[in-house]
C-alpha atoms as a PDB file:
ATOM      1  CA  UNK A   1       1.385  10.030   3.874  1.00  0.00           C
ATOM      2  CA  UNK A   2       1.105  13.376   2.273  1.00  0.00           C
ATOM      3  CA  UNK A   3       1.670  12.162  -1.190  1.00  0.00           C
ATOM      4  CA  UNK A   4      -1.374   9.897  -1.054  1.00  0.00           C
ATOM      5  CA  UNK A   5      -3.563  10.215  -3.841  1.00  0.00           C
ATOM      6  CA  UNK A   6      -6.297   7.924  -5.316  1.00  0.00           C
ATOM      7  CA  UNK A   7      -7.712   7.004  -8.720  1.00  0.00           C
ATOM      8  CA  UNK A   8      -8.875   9.098 -11.814  1.00  0.00           C
ATOM      9  CA  UNK A   9     -10.843  12.560 -11.794  1.00  0.00           C
ATOM     10  CA  UNK A  10     -10.830  15.069  -9.294  1.00  0.00           C
ATOM     11  CA  UNK A  11      -7.675  14.232  -6.878  1.00  0.00           C
ATOM     12  CA  UNK A  12      -8.612  13.628  -3.517  1.00  0.00           C
ATOM     13  CA  UNK A  13      -6.238  14.897  -0.727  1.00  0.00           C
ATOM     14  CA  UNK A  14      -7.456  11.856   1.742  1.00  0.00           C
ATOM     15  CA  UNK A  15      -8.463   8.208   1.227  1.00  0.00           C
ATOM     16  CA  UNK A  16     -11.087   7.016   3.185  1.00  0.00           C
ATOM     17  CA  UNK A  17      -9.069   3.738   4.342  1.00  0.00           C
ATOM     18  CA  UNK A  18      -5.752   3.262   4.365  1.00  0.00           C
ATOM     19  CA  UNK A  19      -4.305  -0.553   4.484  1.00  0.00           C
ATOM     20  CA  UNK A  20      -0.959  -0.859   5.845  1.00  0.00           C
ATOM     21  CA  UNK A  21       1.035  -3.863   7.383  1.00  0.00           C
ATOM     22  CA  UNK A  22       1.762  -4.507  11.178  1.00  0.00           C
ATOM     23  CA  UNK A  23       4.811  -2.612  11.114  1.00  0.00           C
ATOM     24  CA  UNK A  24       2.930   0.803  10.821  1.00  0.00           C
ATOM     25  CA  UNK A  25       0.638   0.231  13.373  1.00  0.00           C
ATOM     26  CA  UNK A  26       2.158   2.388  15.808  1.00  0.00           C
ATOM     27  CA  UNK A  27       0.439   5.157  17.928  1.00  0.00           C
ATOM     28  CA  UNK A  28       2.130   8.228  15.857  1.00  0.00           C
ATOM     29  CA  UNK A  29       0.904   6.674  12.669  1.00  0.00           C
ATOM     30  CA  UNK A  30      -2.830   6.094  14.011  1.00  0.00           C
ATOM     31  CA  UNK A  31      -2.877   9.582  15.472  1.00  0.00           C
ATOM     32  CA  UNK A  32      -1.665  11.011  12.467  1.00  0.00           C
ATOM     33  CA  UNK A  33      -4.443   9.071  10.618  1.00  0.00           C
ATOM     34  CA  UNK A  34      -7.245   9.890  13.131  1.00  0.00           C
ATOM     35  CA  UNK A  35      -6.383  13.678  12.391  1.00  0.00           C
ATOM     36  CA  UNK A  36      -7.043  13.413   9.017  1.00  0.00           C
ATOM     37  CA  UNK A  37      -9.851  11.201   9.353  1.00  0.00           C
ATOM     38  CA  UNK A  38      -8.777   8.280   7.411  1.00  0.00           C
ATOM     39  CA  UNK A  39     -10.030   4.532   8.944  1.00  0.00           C
ATOM     40  CA  UNK A  40      -6.669   2.775   9.426  1.00  0.00           C
ATOM     41  CA  UNK A  41      -7.014  -0.792   8.362  1.00  0.00           C
ATOM     42  CA  UNK A  42      -3.652  -2.160   9.781  1.00  0.00           C
ATOM     43  CA  UNK A  43      -3.592  -5.568  11.502  1.00  0.00           C
ATOM     44  CA  UNK A  44      -2.495  -5.385  15.316  1.00  0.00           C
ATOM     45  CA  UNK A  45       0.664  -7.172  15.992  1.00  0.00           C
ATOM     46  CA  UNK A  46      -0.267 -10.825  17.796  1.00  0.00           C
ATOM     47  CA  UNK A  47       2.165 -10.561  20.659  1.00  0.00           C
ATOM     48  CA  UNK A  48       1.019  -6.622  21.160  1.00  0.00           C
ATOM     49  CA  UNK A  49      -0.804  -5.568  24.799  1.00  0.00           C
ATOM     50  CA  UNK A  50      -4.351  -4.519  24.024  1.00  0.00           C
ATOM     51  CA  UNK A  51      -4.425  -0.675  24.691  1.00  0.00           C
ATOM     52  CA  UNK A  52      -7.223   0.452  27.328  1.00  0.00           C
ATOM     53  CA  UNK A  53     -10.462   2.052  25.291  1.00  0.00           C
ATOM     54  CA  UNK A  54     -12.343   1.147  22.505  1.00  0.00           C
ATOM     55  CA  UNK A  55     -10.536  -1.123  19.954  1.00  0.00           C
ATOM     56  CA  UNK A  56     -10.162  -0.027  16.609  1.00  0.00           C
ATOM     57  CA  UNK A  57     -12.339  -1.883  13.602  1.00  0.00           C
ATOM     58  CA  UNK A  58     -10.715  -3.972  11.603  1.00  0.00           C
ATOM     59  CA  UNK A  59     -12.285  -5.702   8.586  1.00  0.00           C
ATOM     60  CA  UNK A  60     -10.089  -8.921   7.671  1.00  0.00           C
ATOM     61  CA  UNK A  61     -11.745  -9.504   4.270  1.00  0.00           C
ATOM     62  CA  UNK A  62     -11.136  -6.026   2.962  1.00  0.00           C
ATOM     63  CA  UNK A  63      -7.694  -6.078   4.306  1.00  0.00           C
ATOM     64  CA  UNK A  64      -7.145  -9.729   2.576  1.00  0.00           C
ATOM     65  CA  UNK A  65      -8.464  -8.555  -0.485  1.00  0.00           C
ATOM     66  CA  UNK A  66      -6.513  -5.257  -0.627  1.00  0.00           C
ATOM     67  CA  UNK A  67      -3.219  -7.381   0.613  1.00  0.00           C
ATOM     68  CA  UNK A  68      -3.846 -10.005  -2.039  1.00  0.00           C
ATOM     69  CA  UNK A  69      -3.894  -7.399  -4.738  1.00  0.00           C
ATOM     70  CA  UNK A  70      -0.871  -5.708  -3.801  1.00  0.00           C
ATOM     71  CA  UNK A  71       0.855  -9.109  -3.281  1.00  0.00           C
ATOM     72  CA  UNK A  72      -0.051 -10.116  -6.795  1.00  0.00           C
ATOM     73  CA  UNK A  73       1.328  -7.046  -8.875  1.00  0.00           C
ATOM     74  CA  UNK A  74       4.355  -6.877  -6.762  1.00  0.00           C
ATOM     75  CA  UNK A  75       4.816 -10.565  -8.133  1.00  0.00           C
ATOM     76  CA  UNK A  76       4.058  -9.364 -11.754  1.00  0.00           C
ATOM     77  CA  UNK A  77       6.437  -6.505 -11.539  1.00  0.00           C
ATOM     78  CA  UNK A  78       8.956  -9.036 -10.314  1.00  0.00           C
ATOM     79  CA  UNK A  79       8.990 -11.125 -13.288  1.00  0.00           C
ATOM     80  CA  UNK A  80      11.252  -8.696 -14.643  1.00  0.00           C
ATOM     81  CA  UNK A  81      14.745  -9.311 -13.594  1.00  0.00           C
ATOM     82  CA  UNK A  82      16.423  -6.273 -14.446  1.00  0.00           C
ATOM     83  CA  UNK A  83      13.855  -4.574 -11.387  1.00  0.00           C
ATOM     84  CA  UNK A  84      14.361  -7.388  -8.991  1.00  0.00           C
ATOM     85  CA  UNK A  85      18.490  -7.342  -9.433  1.00  0.00           C
ATOM     86  CA  UNK A  86      18.471  -3.520  -9.497  1.00  0.00           C
ATOM     87  CA  UNK A  87      20.857  -2.966 -11.892  1.00  0.00           C
ATOM     88  CA  UNK A  88      20.279   0.814 -11.990  1.00  0.00           C
ATOM     89  CA  UNK A  89      21.043   2.822  -9.174  1.00  0.00           C
ATOM     90  CA  UNK A  90      19.544   6.464 -10.031  1.00  0.00           C
ATOM     91  CA  UNK A  91      16.060   6.267  -8.448  1.00  0.00           C
ATOM     92  CA  UNK A  92      14.604   7.931 -11.435  1.00  0.00           C
ATOM     93  CA  UNK A  93      16.005   5.269 -14.144  1.00  0.00           C
ATOM     94  CA  UNK A  94      14.945   2.678 -11.718  1.00  0.00           C
ATOM     95  CA  UNK A  95      11.141   3.985 -11.724  1.00  0.00           C
ATOM     96  CA  UNK A  96      11.074   4.363 -15.196  1.00  0.00           C
ATOM     97  CA  UNK A  97      11.919   0.613 -15.630  1.00  0.00           C
ATOM     98  CA  UNK A  98       9.037  -0.039 -12.859  1.00  0.00           C
ATOM     99  CA  UNK A  99       6.662   2.531 -14.774  1.00  0.00           C
ATOM    100  CA  UNK A 100       7.822   0.614 -18.330  1.00  0.00           C
ATOM    101  CA  UNK A 101       7.002  -3.068 -16.360  1.00  0.00           C
ATOM    102  CA  UNK A 102       3.570  -1.989 -15.218  1.00  0.00           C
ATOM    103  CA  UNK A 103       2.742  -0.985 -18.883  1.00  0.00           C
ATOM    104  CA  UNK A 104       3.573  -4.319 -20.268  1.00  0.00           C
ATOM    105  CA  UNK A 105       1.700  -5.753 -17.412  1.00  0.00           C
ATOM    106  CA  UNK A 106      -1.254  -3.744 -18.276  1.00  0.00           C
ATOM    107  CA  UNK A 107      -0.940  -4.608 -22.107  1.00  0.00           C
ATOM    108  CA  UNK A 108      -0.458  -8.100 -21.756  1.00  0.00           C
ATOM    109  CA  UNK A 109      -3.954  -8.131 -18.993  1.00  0.00           C
ATOM    110  CA  UNK A 110      -5.823  -6.054 -21.831  1.00  0.00           C
ATOM    111  CA  UNK A 111      -5.102  -9.071 -24.651  1.00  0.00           C
END
C-alpha cells in the first residue's frame, strides 16, 4: 500500500480512491485506508454479515469501469506466452519481460 503512486507530474503520496477485489475487504485494510484518507471502492462479500454503523459508499459503475480496464490489460499482457508460463524464475527478469510486453502493447495501440 505504501508504494502506490499515480500518473504523471508531481507524484502524489496517496490516490483519491482505491479499487480492489472482495478479498481486500478486511477491517485492517479499511482502517488503514481511512487513516490515509483514501476512499475504498471495495465490493463487500455477499455472504458477509453487515457491520453496525453507516455503510460505506460504493460506486458500482466506477468499480466496474476500473475492473474492466485492469482485466483487459491483463488479457493483453497474457497474450505473450513467455509471461503466462513464466520461464524466467528471477523476478527482475520476469518484470523486464512484463515491461517489454507493455511497451509492445502500447506501440500496437498507437498504430
